[in-house]
Every structure is written in C-alpha cells, then in structure tokens.
Protein backbone atom coordinates (compact mmCIF):
# COMPACT_ATOMS: atom_id res chain seq x y z
CA MET A 1 14.48 7.79 5.25
CA LEU A 2 16.12 4.98 3.29
CA LYS A 3 17.29 6.08 -0.16
CA ILE A 4 17.68 3.77 -3.16
CA ASN A 5 17.88 4.40 -6.89
CA LEU A 6 14.54 3.83 -8.62
CA HIS A 7 15.20 6.05 -11.62
CA ASP A 8 12.76 5.29 -14.47
CA ARG A 9 10.90 2.66 -12.42
CA VAL A 10 7.10 3.04 -12.46
CA ALA A 11 5.32 2.50 -9.15
CA VAL A 12 1.55 2.10 -8.77
CA ILE A 13 0.21 2.86 -5.29
CA THR A 14 -3.43 2.28 -4.37
CA GLY A 15 -4.73 4.26 -1.42
CA GLY A 16 -1.94 6.72 -2.09
CA THR A 17 -3.84 9.87 -1.15
CA ARG A 18 -3.40 9.74 2.63
CA GLY A 19 -1.76 8.07 5.59
CA ILE A 20 0.50 5.11 4.94
CA GLY A 21 -0.17 5.10 1.21
CA LEU A 22 0.82 8.73 0.81
CA GLY A 23 3.95 8.14 2.88
CA ILE A 24 4.91 5.26 0.58
CA ALA A 25 4.24 7.29 -2.56
CA LYS A 26 6.38 10.16 -1.30
CA ALA A 27 9.23 7.80 -0.36
CA LEU A 28 9.20 6.14 -3.79
CA ALA A 29 9.08 9.54 -5.49
CA ALA A 30 12.05 10.72 -3.45
CA CYS A 31 13.96 7.77 -4.89
CA GLU A 32 13.10 9.04 -8.41
CA ALA A 33 10.40 6.49 -9.23
CA LYS A 34 7.60 7.59 -11.52
CA ILE A 35 4.38 7.51 -9.53
CA ALA A 36 0.86 6.42 -10.49
CA CYS A 37 -1.20 7.37 -7.44
CA ILE A 38 -4.66 5.83 -7.14
CA GLY A 39 -7.48 7.19 -4.99
CA THR A 40 -11.23 7.73 -4.96
CA ASN A 41 -11.57 11.35 -3.79
CA PRO A 42 -10.68 14.02 -6.39
CA GLU A 43 -9.74 16.70 -3.84
CA LYS A 44 -7.56 14.36 -1.78
CA LEU A 45 -5.94 13.05 -4.94
CA GLN A 46 -4.93 16.52 -6.08
CA SER A 47 -3.58 17.37 -2.65
CA ALA A 48 -1.60 14.13 -2.58
CA LEU A 49 -0.13 14.77 -6.03
CA LYS A 50 1.16 18.15 -4.88
CA ALA A 51 2.77 16.56 -1.82
CA ILE A 52 4.34 13.78 -3.90
CA CYS A 53 5.67 16.23 -6.47
CA HIS A 54 7.08 18.44 -3.72
CA GLU A 55 8.87 15.45 -2.19
CA ARG A 56 10.31 14.43 -5.53
CA ASN A 57 11.43 17.95 -6.41
CA SER A 58 12.95 18.52 -2.96
CA SER A 59 14.92 15.29 -3.15
CA THR A 60 16.05 15.46 -6.78
CA GLY A 61 16.23 19.18 -7.51
CA GLY A 62 13.69 18.54 -10.25
CA VAL A 63 11.57 20.86 -12.34
CA PRO A 64 8.85 23.06 -10.81
CA LEU A 65 5.59 21.44 -9.74
CA GLU A 66 3.55 22.70 -12.66
CA PHE A 67 5.88 20.98 -15.16
CA GLN A 68 6.18 17.72 -13.26
CA GLU A 69 5.49 14.87 -15.69
CA GLU A 70 6.52 11.88 -13.62
CA VAL A 71 3.65 11.86 -11.11
CA GLU A 72 0.10 11.10 -12.23
CA GLY A 73 -3.16 10.58 -10.37
CA TYR A 74 -6.00 8.18 -11.17
CA LEU A 75 -9.49 7.93 -9.74
CA CYS A 76 -10.38 4.27 -9.39
CA ASN A 77 -12.53 1.99 -7.24
CA VAL A 78 -10.17 -0.94 -6.81
CA SER A 79 -13.05 -3.31 -6.00
CA VAL A 80 -14.56 -2.88 -9.50
CA THR A 81 -13.04 -4.98 -12.27
CA GLU A 82 -13.75 -2.53 -15.09
CA ASP A 83 -12.29 0.41 -13.13
CA VAL A 84 -9.10 -1.47 -12.39
CA GLU A 85 -8.58 -2.76 -15.92
CA GLN A 86 -9.21 0.66 -17.47
CA THR A 87 -6.94 2.39 -14.96
CA VAL A 88 -4.07 -0.02 -15.51
CA GLU A 89 -4.42 0.47 -19.27
CA LYS A 90 -4.23 4.24 -18.75
CA ILE A 91 -1.09 3.83 -16.63
CA LEU A 92 0.54 1.65 -19.28
CA THR A 93 -0.38 4.14 -21.99
CA ARG A 94 1.05 6.98 -19.90
CA PHE A 95 4.23 5.36 -18.61
CA GLY A 96 4.74 2.30 -20.82
CA ARG A 97 5.51 -0.10 -17.97
CA ILE A 98 4.75 -1.08 -14.39
CA ASP A 99 7.63 -2.16 -12.16
CA ILE A 100 6.17 -1.82 -8.65
CA LEU A 101 2.70 -2.32 -7.25
CA VAL A 102 1.83 -1.37 -3.69
CA ASN A 103 -1.66 -2.47 -2.64
CA CYS A 104 -2.40 -0.07 0.20
CA ALA A 105 -6.06 0.89 -0.33
CA GLY A 106 -8.09 -0.13 2.70
CA ILE A 107 -11.21 0.75 4.63
CA THR A 108 -12.73 -0.14 8.00
CA ARG A 109 -16.35 -0.69 9.00
CA ASP A 110 -15.86 -1.68 12.63
CA VAL A 111 -18.85 -3.21 14.38
CA PRO A 112 -19.38 -6.34 16.53
CA LEU A 113 -20.18 -9.46 14.53
CA GLY A 114 -23.77 -9.74 15.79
CA ALA A 115 -24.57 -6.23 14.54
CA MET A 116 -22.53 -6.36 11.33
CA LYS A 117 -24.58 -5.78 8.18
CA ASP A 118 -23.94 -7.63 4.93
CA GLU A 119 -22.76 -4.47 3.21
CA GLU A 120 -20.30 -3.70 6.02
CA TRP A 121 -18.72 -7.10 5.44
CA ASP A 122 -18.86 -6.86 1.63
CA ASP A 123 -17.47 -3.31 1.44
CA VAL A 124 -14.39 -4.14 3.51
CA ILE A 125 -13.68 -7.44 1.75
CA GLY A 126 -14.23 -5.70 -1.59
CA VAL A 127 -11.66 -2.96 -1.08
CA ASN A 128 -9.17 -4.74 1.17
CA LEU A 129 -9.03 -8.17 -0.50
CA ARG A 130 -10.78 -8.10 -3.86
CA GLY A 131 -8.92 -4.87 -4.66
CA PRO A 132 -5.42 -6.36 -4.30
CA PHE A 133 -6.58 -9.40 -6.31
CA LEU A 134 -7.81 -7.24 -9.19
CA MET A 135 -4.81 -4.91 -9.12
CA THR A 136 -2.30 -7.76 -8.88
CA ARG A 137 -3.94 -9.68 -11.71
CA ALA A 138 -3.89 -6.61 -13.97
CA CYS A 139 -0.44 -5.26 -13.06
CA SER A 140 1.29 -8.63 -13.08
CA LYS A 141 0.60 -9.02 -16.81
CA PRO A 142 3.13 -6.37 -17.93
CA MET A 143 5.46 -7.54 -15.16
CA ARG A 144 5.35 -11.09 -16.51
CA ARG A 145 6.14 -9.84 -20.00
CA ALA A 146 9.09 -7.86 -18.62
CA LYS A 147 10.13 -10.80 -16.39
CA ARG A 148 10.57 -8.43 -13.49
CA GLY A 149 8.41 -6.88 -10.80
CA ARG A 150 7.87 -6.07 -7.15
CA ILE A 151 4.48 -6.37 -5.43
CA ILE A 152 3.95 -5.30 -1.84
CA ASN A 153 0.64 -5.79 -0.03
CA ILE A 154 -0.13 -3.73 3.05
CA ALA A 155 -1.79 -6.11 5.51
CA SER A 156 -2.17 -5.53 9.27
CA ILE A 157 -1.45 -7.15 12.59
CA SER A 158 -5.23 -7.53 12.78
CA GLY A 159 -4.86 -10.18 10.10
CA LEU A 160 -2.42 -12.05 12.34
CA ILE A 161 -4.04 -11.81 15.77
CA GLY A 162 -7.58 -10.56 15.15
CA ASN A 163 -9.25 -7.62 16.85
CA LYS A 164 -12.64 -7.18 18.52
CA GLY A 165 -15.17 -5.48 16.29
CA GLN A 166 -13.11 -6.13 13.18
CA ALA A 167 -14.27 -9.50 11.89
CA ASN A 168 -14.48 -8.04 8.38
CA TYR A 169 -11.19 -6.12 8.51
CA SER A 170 -9.23 -8.93 10.18
CA ALA A 171 -10.59 -11.47 7.70
CA SER A 172 -9.62 -9.25 4.78
CA LYS A 173 -6.08 -8.78 6.04
CA ALA A 174 -5.64 -12.46 6.92
CA GLY A 175 -6.85 -13.26 3.41
CA LEU A 176 -4.35 -10.79 1.99
CA ILE A 177 -1.54 -12.60 3.81
CA GLY A 178 -2.63 -15.94 2.33
CA PHE A 179 -2.97 -14.28 -1.07
CA THR A 180 0.57 -12.91 -0.78
CA ARG A 181 2.08 -16.29 0.01
CA THR A 182 0.24 -18.04 -2.81
CA VAL A 183 0.88 -15.44 -5.52
CA SER A 184 4.56 -15.23 -4.55
CA LYS A 185 4.87 -18.88 -5.58
CA GLU A 186 2.93 -18.39 -8.81
CA LEU A 187 4.97 -15.39 -9.97
CA ALA A 188 8.44 -16.39 -8.76
CA GLY A 189 9.25 -18.02 -12.08
CA LYS A 190 8.86 -14.64 -13.79
CA ASN A 191 11.26 -12.89 -11.38
CA ILE A 192 8.40 -11.12 -9.62
CA THR A 193 8.58 -10.95 -5.84
CA VAL A 194 5.46 -10.61 -3.70
CA ASN A 195 5.70 -9.65 -0.05
CA ALA A 196 3.43 -8.15 2.60
CA ILE A 197 3.85 -5.70 5.45
CA ALA A 198 1.69 -5.97 8.55
CA PRO A 199 1.73 -2.60 10.32
CA GLY A 200 0.66 -2.19 13.91
CA PHE A 201 -0.58 1.16 15.19
CA ILE A 202 0.66 3.90 12.86
CA GLU A 203 0.15 7.65 13.29
CA THR A 204 -2.45 8.42 10.61
CA ASP A 205 -5.82 10.13 10.42
CA MET A 206 -7.41 6.78 11.29
CA THR A 207 -5.58 6.52 14.61
CA ALA A 208 -5.79 10.27 15.31
CA VAL A 209 -9.48 9.96 16.20
CA LEU A 210 -8.90 7.34 18.91
CA PRO A 211 -9.66 8.53 22.46
CA ALA A 212 -6.59 9.61 24.43
CA ALA A 213 -7.16 6.92 27.07
CA LEU A 214 -7.26 4.21 24.40
CA LYS A 215 -4.08 5.54 22.79
CA LEU A 216 -2.31 5.38 26.14
CA GLU A 217 -3.53 1.84 26.73
CA ILE A 218 -2.28 0.76 23.31
CA LYS A 219 1.11 2.41 23.77
CA ASN A 220 1.51 0.58 27.07
CA ARG A 221 1.22 -2.68 25.10
CA ILE A 222 3.95 -1.67 22.64
CA PRO A 223 7.51 -2.41 23.85
CA LEU A 224 8.86 0.62 21.98
CA ALA A 225 6.15 2.72 23.69
CA ARG A 226 5.08 4.69 20.65
CA PHE A 227 3.02 4.50 17.52
CA GLY A 228 4.85 4.02 14.24
CA SER A 229 4.94 6.54 11.40
CA PRO A 230 4.07 6.15 7.71
CA GLU A 231 7.81 6.53 7.06
CA ASP A 232 8.47 3.38 9.11
CA VAL A 233 6.27 1.43 6.71
CA ALA A 234 7.64 3.25 3.66
CA ASN A 235 11.20 2.25 4.57
CA ALA A 236 10.13 -1.40 4.55
CA VAL A 237 8.57 -0.93 1.12
CA LEU A 238 11.81 0.59 -0.13
CA TYR A 239 13.68 -2.47 1.09
CA PHE A 240 11.29 -4.87 -0.64
CA VAL A 241 11.59 -3.03 -3.98
CA SER A 242 15.39 -2.77 -3.77
CA GLU A 243 17.90 -5.07 -5.42
CA GLU A 244 19.01 -6.09 -1.94
CA ALA A 245 15.66 -7.88 -1.55
CA SER A 246 15.78 -9.73 -4.87
CA PHE A 247 15.88 -13.11 -3.06
CA VAL A 248 13.05 -12.24 -0.66
CA THR A 249 9.51 -13.28 -1.56
CA GLY A 250 6.41 -14.62 0.16
CA GLN A 251 7.36 -12.91 3.42
CA ILE A 252 5.22 -11.03 5.95
CA LEU A 253 7.09 -8.25 7.76
CA THR A 254 5.45 -7.04 10.95
CA ILE A 255 6.10 -3.39 11.82
CA ASP A 256 4.49 -2.87 15.20
CA GLY A 257 7.16 -1.82 17.71
CA GLY A 258 7.24 -5.36 19.10
CA MET A 259 3.55 -5.44 19.99
CA ILE A 260 2.95 -9.03 18.83
CA ARG A 261 5.52 -11.78 19.18
C-alpha cells in the first residue's frame, strides 16, 4: 500500500466501519493520521476501531490498543443535519482540527423504477448525496479557517453509466460527481481540494452476496478480469490527500479495472 506522511493530520471518514470506508480508514491510520471514524452501528464501529488501531500500531510501532488516543469513533446519521453538526463539533473538540474528509457512507435500495417506493428513493438520496453535502458544509468551515483541506467523495461507476434497478443509487452518485465539481471551484480559493473516486466492482460484503454466475459475468466485462480491493481505492485516497496532488481538484478518478471507457 502507498505510504505517505500524515502525522498530526486529522481525517474524518464516514461509512468507515466496513468495506471501502474501513479500508480507507486503515490506510490513513497507517500513514499516522488521526482518525475520526463515523458509522451507525455500535458493534460494527467498535470492531472497526480495533482494526484501525491495529493497523496504526502495526505500521508505526505505536502504543498498545487500550491506550490508543488517536483513533475515535462517532455514531452519526449523516443524512440528519443536527447529527452531523453535533458530531463535527465533537471531533473539533477532541482533535482541534479537520484536515481530511472522506465521504464514503452509502446505501443501496435496489429495485426497478416502477416498483420503487418513495422511501427507497429518499433513503438512498439522503445518505449518499445529502450526507456528503452536510458533512462537507460542516467540515469545510474549519478547513476554510485553516486555509487548507482535502475532501474526497466516494462516487461509483453507476453514477457515470447508470445501472438497471439503481435509479436511486445512480442518481445519488451522479449528483455526488456534480457536487464534487462545483464545490471544488467554490473552495479552491481557500486551498481546499475536492475530488471524487468512482469505484467499479470492489470485493466487499456488498459484492460478496452476488450469485457466482453474476460475478463471473461481471469479471468477463472487466479487462483486468478481477474485482478491485478496498486497498485499490484507499491508495487513490492517499494520492489525493498527499502533497503530490496539491494541484489536483475537481477530478473524478475511475477505479474499475478498465470496465468503462
């Protein structure tokens, strides 16, 4: 995995308790960033914190897990304004700053358009698009004061090409791409970069439940003939938060093994 120096940087990761989000949190921790991990399930959050601490300690030779003070968990529904504002205030009280925001929280409610219920549309748009809006609005305030920041939004190839049964999900991710491009222009004057990553099929618990025949069909459509890993996405995040990417903003990086071109 890519290694950069993020010592004393504070990274906020939504959806950091599993899958891609957890992979990103572990990668940032391994680079010595302080981690504010946001989730909605208490048990999954505690499990994730242990994994993040273990990664940080293994990479840095740090103190034992029970004395780890640079990784903190927060329960928060990112689609609720009050939850987000209170959580960001807690993070600022705890760490004093926010340098990196990774909007990774996302849900699916796949169903054909004709059968899609209002709440199935609203729930997905709420978490996948309203969430990044609320988190970015709140976290960009301390970034603007510091005149420095890195924001990375985790979109999807579904937001670029669409996908049957995912009108809600594809719309949310397409909206996130438009949001990224607009906010990158608004925040550039404060030395805050805003970029997005559009993963293809990544080995997570969400793809693990796909039927074997469907997995094979999908892999046959990927030139590299495999699914990606959370580490593939995490490496891209590490690039975007590095000094080497200081002149990169408003970009959408597709990580899909060449599936869409």
